[in-house]
N, C-alpha and C. Protein backbone atom coordinates (compact mmCIF):
# COMPACT_ATOMS: atom_id res chain seq x y z
N VAL A 1 32.86 4.08 -21.44
CA VAL A 1 34.08 3.62 -20.81
C VAL A 1 34.48 2.29 -21.46
N PRO A 2 35.74 2.15 -21.84
CA PRO A 2 36.18 0.90 -22.47
C PRO A 2 36.06 -0.29 -21.53
N VAL A 3 35.82 -1.44 -22.09
CA VAL A 3 35.80 -2.68 -21.31
C VAL A 3 36.74 -3.67 -21.96
N VAL A 4 37.29 -4.57 -21.17
CA VAL A 4 38.12 -5.64 -21.68
C VAL A 4 37.59 -6.96 -21.12
N PRO A 5 37.71 -8.05 -21.88
CA PRO A 5 37.22 -9.34 -21.38
C PRO A 5 38.06 -9.83 -20.21
N LEU A 6 37.43 -10.54 -19.32
CA LEU A 6 38.09 -11.09 -18.14
C LEU A 6 38.49 -12.54 -18.39
N ASP A 7 39.80 -12.82 -18.21
CA ASP A 7 40.35 -14.18 -18.32
C ASP A 7 39.95 -14.87 -19.61
N GLY A 8 39.92 -14.13 -20.69
CA GLY A 8 39.62 -14.75 -21.98
C GLY A 8 40.47 -14.13 -23.04
N LEU A 9 40.92 -14.92 -23.96
CA LEU A 9 41.66 -14.38 -25.08
C LEU A 9 40.66 -13.90 -26.11
N VAL A 10 40.94 -12.77 -26.66
CA VAL A 10 40.00 -12.12 -27.55
C VAL A 10 39.93 -12.85 -28.88
N PRO A 11 38.72 -13.22 -29.33
CA PRO A 11 38.60 -13.79 -30.67
C PRO A 11 38.76 -12.68 -31.70
N ALA A 12 37.98 -12.68 -32.74
CA ALA A 12 38.15 -11.70 -33.81
C ALA A 12 38.05 -10.27 -33.32
N ASN A 13 37.10 -9.97 -32.47
CA ASN A 13 36.95 -8.60 -31.97
C ASN A 13 36.14 -8.60 -30.68
N LEU A 14 36.15 -7.46 -30.01
CA LEU A 14 35.43 -7.35 -28.74
C LEU A 14 33.93 -7.53 -28.91
N ALA A 15 33.39 -7.05 -30.03
CA ALA A 15 31.95 -7.19 -30.24
C ALA A 15 31.54 -8.66 -30.21
N GLU A 16 32.35 -9.51 -30.80
CA GLU A 16 32.05 -10.94 -30.80
C GLU A 16 32.03 -11.49 -29.38
N LEU A 17 32.97 -11.05 -28.55
CA LEU A 17 32.97 -11.50 -27.16
C LEU A 17 31.76 -10.98 -26.40
N ARG A 18 31.42 -9.73 -26.62
CA ARG A 18 30.25 -9.16 -25.94
C ARG A 18 29.00 -9.95 -26.28
N ASN A 19 28.88 -10.34 -27.53
CA ASN A 19 27.70 -11.09 -27.97
C ASN A 19 27.67 -12.50 -27.39
N ASN A 20 28.81 -12.99 -26.93
CA ASN A 20 28.87 -14.33 -26.34
C ASN A 20 28.73 -14.29 -24.82
N SER A 21 28.28 -13.16 -24.27
CA SER A 21 28.00 -13.02 -22.83
C SER A 21 29.22 -13.28 -21.96
N ALA A 22 30.38 -12.85 -22.40
CA ALA A 22 31.59 -13.02 -21.60
C ALA A 22 31.58 -12.04 -20.43
N ASP A 23 32.43 -12.28 -19.46
CA ASP A 23 32.60 -11.35 -18.35
C ASP A 23 33.61 -10.28 -18.77
N PHE A 24 33.39 -9.05 -18.31
CA PHE A 24 34.26 -7.94 -18.65
C PHE A 24 34.60 -7.14 -17.41
N VAL A 25 35.67 -6.37 -17.49
CA VAL A 25 35.99 -5.40 -16.46
C VAL A 25 36.23 -4.06 -17.15
N LEU A 26 35.99 -2.98 -16.41
CA LEU A 26 36.24 -1.65 -16.95
C LEU A 26 37.73 -1.39 -16.93
N SER A 27 38.24 -0.86 -18.01
CA SER A 27 39.66 -0.55 -18.07
C SER A 27 39.92 0.41 -19.22
N PHE A 28 41.08 1.00 -19.22
CA PHE A 28 41.46 1.91 -20.28
C PHE A 28 42.66 1.33 -21.02
N SER A 29 42.46 1.05 -22.29
CA SER A 29 43.54 0.52 -23.11
C SER A 29 43.28 0.94 -24.55
N SER A 30 44.34 1.26 -25.25
CA SER A 30 44.21 1.60 -26.66
C SER A 30 44.31 0.36 -27.54
N ASP A 31 44.62 -0.79 -26.94
CA ASP A 31 44.73 -2.05 -27.67
C ASP A 31 43.36 -2.72 -27.70
N ASP A 32 42.76 -2.83 -28.87
CA ASP A 32 41.41 -3.40 -28.94
C ASP A 32 41.39 -4.91 -28.70
N ARG A 33 42.57 -5.52 -28.55
CA ARG A 33 42.63 -6.94 -28.20
C ARG A 33 43.00 -7.14 -26.73
N ALA A 34 43.08 -6.07 -25.97
CA ALA A 34 43.47 -6.15 -24.56
C ALA A 34 42.48 -7.02 -23.78
N PHE A 35 43.01 -7.67 -22.74
CA PHE A 35 42.14 -8.45 -21.87
C PHE A 35 42.67 -8.41 -20.45
N ALA A 36 41.81 -8.68 -19.51
CA ALA A 36 42.19 -8.78 -18.11
C ALA A 36 42.50 -10.24 -17.80
N PHE A 37 43.44 -10.43 -16.89
CA PHE A 37 43.85 -11.78 -16.53
C PHE A 37 44.02 -11.84 -15.02
N THR A 38 43.51 -12.90 -14.40
CA THR A 38 43.66 -13.09 -12.97
C THR A 38 44.87 -13.97 -12.70
N ILE A 39 45.82 -13.45 -11.93
CA ILE A 39 47.03 -14.20 -11.58
C ILE A 39 46.61 -15.42 -10.75
N GLY A 40 47.08 -16.60 -11.16
CA GLY A 40 46.59 -17.84 -10.56
C GLY A 40 47.36 -18.38 -9.38
N ASP A 41 48.56 -17.85 -9.12
CA ASP A 41 49.34 -18.36 -7.99
C ASP A 41 50.24 -17.24 -7.46
N ASN A 42 51.09 -17.58 -6.50
CA ASN A 42 51.96 -16.57 -5.90
C ASN A 42 53.38 -16.57 -6.46
N SER A 43 53.61 -17.24 -7.60
CA SER A 43 54.96 -17.32 -8.14
C SER A 43 55.50 -15.97 -8.59
N MET A 44 54.64 -14.99 -8.79
CA MET A 44 55.08 -13.66 -9.21
C MET A 44 55.10 -12.67 -8.05
N SER A 45 54.93 -13.17 -6.81
CA SER A 45 54.97 -12.26 -5.67
C SER A 45 56.43 -11.84 -5.42
N PRO A 46 56.68 -10.68 -4.93
CA PRO A 46 55.71 -9.74 -4.39
C PRO A 46 55.09 -8.80 -5.43
N ARG A 47 55.47 -8.95 -6.69
CA ARG A 47 54.91 -8.06 -7.72
C ARG A 47 53.41 -8.28 -7.87
N TYR A 48 53.00 -9.54 -8.03
CA TYR A 48 51.58 -9.89 -8.15
C TYR A 48 51.32 -11.09 -7.26
N PHE A 49 50.20 -11.06 -6.58
CA PHE A 49 49.79 -12.19 -5.75
C PHE A 49 48.61 -12.89 -6.41
N ARG A 50 48.36 -14.14 -5.98
CA ARG A 50 47.22 -14.89 -6.48
C ARG A 50 45.97 -14.03 -6.36
N GLY A 51 45.20 -13.94 -7.45
CA GLY A 51 43.98 -13.16 -7.45
C GLY A 51 44.14 -11.74 -7.98
N THR A 52 45.39 -11.28 -8.15
CA THR A 52 45.61 -9.94 -8.71
C THR A 52 45.09 -9.90 -10.14
N LEU A 53 44.36 -8.86 -10.46
CA LEU A 53 43.83 -8.66 -11.80
C LEU A 53 44.78 -7.75 -12.56
N VAL A 54 45.27 -8.22 -13.72
CA VAL A 54 46.21 -7.44 -14.52
C VAL A 54 45.65 -7.18 -15.91
N LEU A 55 46.15 -6.12 -16.54
CA LEU A 55 45.77 -5.77 -17.90
C LEU A 55 46.85 -6.27 -18.84
N VAL A 56 46.45 -6.98 -19.88
CA VAL A 56 47.37 -7.56 -20.86
C VAL A 56 47.06 -6.94 -22.21
N GLU A 57 48.12 -6.51 -22.91
CA GLU A 57 47.95 -5.90 -24.23
C GLU A 57 48.71 -6.72 -25.27
N PRO A 58 47.99 -7.54 -26.04
CA PRO A 58 48.62 -8.39 -27.05
C PRO A 58 49.34 -7.62 -28.16
N GLY A 59 49.01 -6.34 -28.34
CA GLY A 59 49.64 -5.56 -29.40
C GLY A 59 51.08 -5.16 -29.12
N LEU A 60 51.54 -5.31 -27.90
CA LEU A 60 52.91 -4.96 -27.56
C LEU A 60 53.85 -6.14 -27.79
N SER A 61 55.07 -5.85 -28.20
CA SER A 61 56.09 -6.89 -28.37
C SER A 61 56.80 -7.09 -27.04
N PRO A 62 56.85 -8.33 -26.55
CA PRO A 62 57.51 -8.59 -25.27
C PRO A 62 59.00 -8.29 -25.34
N GLN A 63 59.51 -7.68 -24.28
CA GLN A 63 60.93 -7.38 -24.15
C GLN A 63 61.46 -8.06 -22.89
N VAL A 64 62.75 -8.33 -22.87
CA VAL A 64 63.38 -8.93 -21.68
C VAL A 64 63.09 -8.03 -20.47
N GLU A 65 62.76 -8.65 -19.37
CA GLU A 65 62.39 -8.04 -18.09
C GLU A 65 60.91 -7.66 -18.00
N ASP A 66 60.15 -7.85 -19.08
CA ASP A 66 58.70 -7.62 -19.01
C ASP A 66 58.05 -8.73 -18.21
N ASP A 67 56.94 -8.40 -17.57
CA ASP A 67 56.06 -9.42 -17.01
C ASP A 67 55.12 -9.81 -18.13
N VAL A 68 54.95 -11.11 -18.32
CA VAL A 68 54.19 -11.59 -19.47
C VAL A 68 53.23 -12.71 -19.06
N ILE A 69 52.26 -12.94 -19.91
CA ILE A 69 51.41 -14.12 -19.83
C ILE A 69 51.84 -15.03 -20.97
N VAL A 70 52.22 -16.27 -20.63
CA VAL A 70 52.59 -17.25 -21.64
C VAL A 70 51.42 -18.21 -21.81
N ILE A 71 50.98 -18.37 -23.04
CA ILE A 71 49.93 -19.34 -23.36
C ILE A 71 50.62 -20.61 -23.84
N HIS A 72 50.53 -21.66 -23.04
CA HIS A 72 51.19 -22.92 -23.37
C HIS A 72 50.34 -23.69 -24.38
N ASN A 73 50.95 -24.65 -25.03
CA ASN A 73 50.24 -25.42 -26.07
C ASN A 73 49.00 -26.14 -25.55
N ASN A 74 48.98 -26.48 -24.28
CA ASN A 74 47.80 -27.17 -23.72
C ASN A 74 46.70 -26.18 -23.36
N GLY A 75 46.91 -24.89 -23.64
CA GLY A 75 45.91 -23.87 -23.37
C GLY A 75 46.07 -23.19 -22.03
N ALA A 76 46.94 -23.72 -21.17
CA ALA A 76 47.16 -23.10 -19.87
C ALA A 76 47.85 -21.75 -20.04
N ALA A 77 47.43 -20.79 -19.26
CA ALA A 77 48.03 -19.46 -19.29
C ALA A 77 48.66 -19.19 -17.93
N LYS A 78 49.89 -18.68 -17.93
CA LYS A 78 50.59 -18.45 -16.67
C LYS A 78 51.43 -17.18 -16.77
N ALA A 79 51.48 -16.45 -15.67
CA ALA A 79 52.30 -15.24 -15.61
C ALA A 79 53.75 -15.62 -15.34
N HIS A 80 54.65 -14.94 -16.03
CA HIS A 80 56.09 -15.15 -15.86
C HIS A 80 56.80 -13.81 -16.00
N ARG A 81 58.04 -13.79 -15.60
CA ARG A 81 58.95 -12.68 -15.88
C ARG A 81 59.81 -13.14 -17.05
N LEU A 82 59.85 -12.37 -18.13
CA LEU A 82 60.63 -12.75 -19.31
C LEU A 82 62.09 -12.41 -19.08
N LEU A 83 62.94 -13.44 -19.09
CA LEU A 83 64.37 -13.27 -18.81
C LEU A 83 65.23 -13.33 -20.06
N GLY A 84 64.72 -13.92 -21.14
CA GLY A 84 65.50 -14.01 -22.38
C GLY A 84 64.63 -14.50 -23.53
N GLN A 85 65.10 -14.21 -24.75
CA GLN A 85 64.35 -14.61 -25.95
C GLN A 85 65.27 -15.18 -27.02
N VAL A 86 66.27 -15.96 -26.62
CA VAL A 86 67.19 -16.57 -27.57
C VAL A 86 66.87 -18.06 -27.64
N ASN A 87 66.59 -18.57 -28.85
CA ASN A 87 66.24 -19.98 -29.02
C ASN A 87 65.05 -20.37 -28.15
N GLY A 88 64.03 -19.56 -28.14
CA GLY A 88 62.84 -19.79 -27.32
C GLY A 88 62.72 -18.71 -26.27
N LEU A 89 62.09 -19.05 -25.17
CA LEU A 89 61.90 -18.10 -24.08
C LEU A 89 62.56 -18.63 -22.82
N THR A 90 63.20 -17.75 -22.09
CA THR A 90 63.64 -18.07 -20.75
C THR A 90 62.76 -17.25 -19.83
N VAL A 91 62.03 -17.95 -18.96
CA VAL A 91 61.08 -17.28 -18.08
C VAL A 91 61.40 -17.63 -16.64
N GLY A 92 61.01 -16.73 -15.76
CA GLY A 92 61.21 -16.95 -14.34
C GLY A 92 60.08 -16.33 -13.57
N SER A 93 60.35 -16.10 -12.30
CA SER A 93 59.34 -15.52 -11.43
C SER A 93 60.02 -14.43 -10.61
N TRP A 94 59.30 -13.89 -9.66
CA TRP A 94 59.89 -12.91 -8.74
C TRP A 94 60.34 -13.58 -7.46
N VAL A 95 60.22 -14.90 -7.38
CA VAL A 95 60.68 -15.64 -6.21
C VAL A 95 62.14 -16.02 -6.46
N SER A 96 63.03 -15.53 -5.62
CA SER A 96 64.47 -15.66 -5.89
C SER A 96 64.96 -17.11 -5.89
N THR A 97 64.24 -18.01 -5.23
CA THR A 97 64.68 -19.41 -5.18
C THR A 97 64.24 -20.22 -6.39
N ASP A 98 63.34 -19.68 -7.20
CA ASP A 98 62.88 -20.40 -8.39
C ASP A 98 63.96 -20.38 -9.47
N GLN A 99 64.11 -21.51 -10.14
CA GLN A 99 65.05 -21.60 -11.25
C GLN A 99 64.36 -21.15 -12.54
N PRO A 100 65.08 -20.44 -13.41
CA PRO A 100 64.49 -20.07 -14.70
C PRO A 100 64.14 -21.32 -15.50
N GLU A 101 63.16 -21.17 -16.36
CA GLU A 101 62.69 -22.27 -17.21
C GLU A 101 62.85 -21.83 -18.66
N THR A 102 63.31 -22.74 -19.51
CA THR A 102 63.42 -22.45 -20.94
C THR A 102 62.28 -23.14 -21.67
N LEU A 103 61.55 -22.36 -22.45
CA LEU A 103 60.48 -22.89 -23.30
C LEU A 103 60.95 -22.79 -24.74
N LEU A 104 61.04 -23.92 -25.39
CA LEU A 104 61.51 -23.95 -26.78
C LEU A 104 60.39 -23.54 -27.72
N PRO A 105 60.75 -23.02 -28.91
CA PRO A 105 59.70 -22.73 -29.89
C PRO A 105 58.86 -23.98 -30.11
N GLY A 106 57.58 -23.82 -30.16
CA GLY A 106 56.68 -24.96 -30.31
C GLY A 106 56.12 -25.45 -28.98
N GLU A 107 56.68 -25.01 -27.86
CA GLU A 107 56.16 -25.39 -26.55
C GLU A 107 55.15 -24.38 -26.01
N TYR A 108 54.98 -23.29 -26.72
CA TYR A 108 54.02 -22.26 -26.31
C TYR A 108 53.38 -21.65 -27.55
N ARG A 109 52.17 -21.13 -27.36
CA ARG A 109 51.42 -20.53 -28.47
C ARG A 109 51.63 -19.04 -28.61
N ALA A 110 51.70 -18.37 -27.47
CA ALA A 110 51.77 -16.91 -27.50
C ALA A 110 52.38 -16.37 -26.23
N VAL A 111 52.89 -15.14 -26.32
CA VAL A 111 53.43 -14.41 -25.17
C VAL A 111 52.85 -13.01 -25.23
N TYR A 112 52.19 -12.59 -24.16
CA TYR A 112 51.55 -11.29 -24.11
C TYR A 112 52.08 -10.47 -22.94
N VAL A 113 52.23 -9.17 -23.14
CA VAL A 113 52.79 -8.28 -22.13
C VAL A 113 51.73 -7.85 -21.12
N ILE A 114 52.08 -7.96 -19.84
CA ILE A 114 51.26 -7.39 -18.77
C ILE A 114 51.66 -5.93 -18.66
N VAL A 115 50.68 -5.02 -18.76
CA VAL A 115 51.01 -3.59 -18.68
C VAL A 115 50.72 -2.99 -17.31
N GLY A 116 50.01 -3.70 -16.47
CA GLY A 116 49.77 -3.18 -15.13
C GLY A 116 48.60 -3.86 -14.45
N ARG A 117 48.37 -3.46 -13.22
CA ARG A 117 47.24 -3.99 -12.44
C ARG A 117 45.97 -3.23 -12.81
N ILE A 118 44.85 -3.90 -12.63
CA ILE A 118 43.56 -3.23 -12.75
C ILE A 118 43.04 -3.08 -11.33
N HIS A 119 42.93 -1.85 -10.88
CA HIS A 119 42.49 -1.57 -9.52
C HIS A 119 41.03 -1.17 -9.51
N HIS A 120 40.34 -1.58 -8.48
CA HIS A 120 38.95 -1.17 -8.26
C HIS A 120 38.12 -1.34 -9.52
N SER A 121 38.28 -2.46 -10.15
CA SER A 121 37.52 -2.72 -11.37
C SER A 121 36.10 -3.13 -11.02
N ARG A 122 35.27 -3.01 -11.96
CA ARG A 122 33.88 -3.44 -11.79
C ARG A 122 33.62 -4.53 -12.81
N LYS A 123 33.22 -5.67 -12.36
CA LYS A 123 32.97 -6.79 -13.25
C LYS A 123 31.61 -6.59 -13.93
N ILE A 124 31.58 -6.83 -15.22
CA ILE A 124 30.34 -6.72 -15.99
C ILE A 124 29.99 -8.11 -16.48
N ILE A 125 28.80 -8.56 -16.13
CA ILE A 125 28.35 -9.89 -16.55
C ILE A 125 27.13 -9.71 -17.44
N ASN A 126 27.20 -10.28 -18.61
CA ASN A 126 26.08 -10.19 -19.56
C ASN A 126 25.61 -8.75 -19.78
N GLY A 127 26.56 -7.83 -19.83
CA GLY A 127 26.23 -6.44 -20.13
C GLY A 127 25.75 -5.64 -18.95
N ASN A 128 25.64 -6.23 -17.77
CA ASN A 128 25.18 -5.52 -16.58
C ASN A 128 26.31 -5.34 -15.59
N ALA A 129 26.48 -4.12 -15.09
CA ALA A 129 27.53 -3.85 -14.12
C ALA A 129 27.03 -4.16 -12.72
């Protein structure tokens, strides 16, 4: 059964992460760089709540209206709804009172697509389920 790393960005390959005793969850993905990510707050509710585990596939190109993980230059990772991609990124949330935010090129390192929730996952620590 395929595994993906939990809350970690994949280095060169999954084998390298496995050898570094990272935490993993069981999941099915054809993207060998896929990873699981825990939503850190309720800004994406009602779609995702704090603690929701999602599957992220770095191999997909983000499109407007996708839910994404933005990796900021300081290393912080946050879930957003992608609202636009002209002269940077326009991101928002699922909370109607939140104002969209524009991130200029150079203010973020990467944008990865959330492809769905991981339900009933089993956490694997140091190779043991």
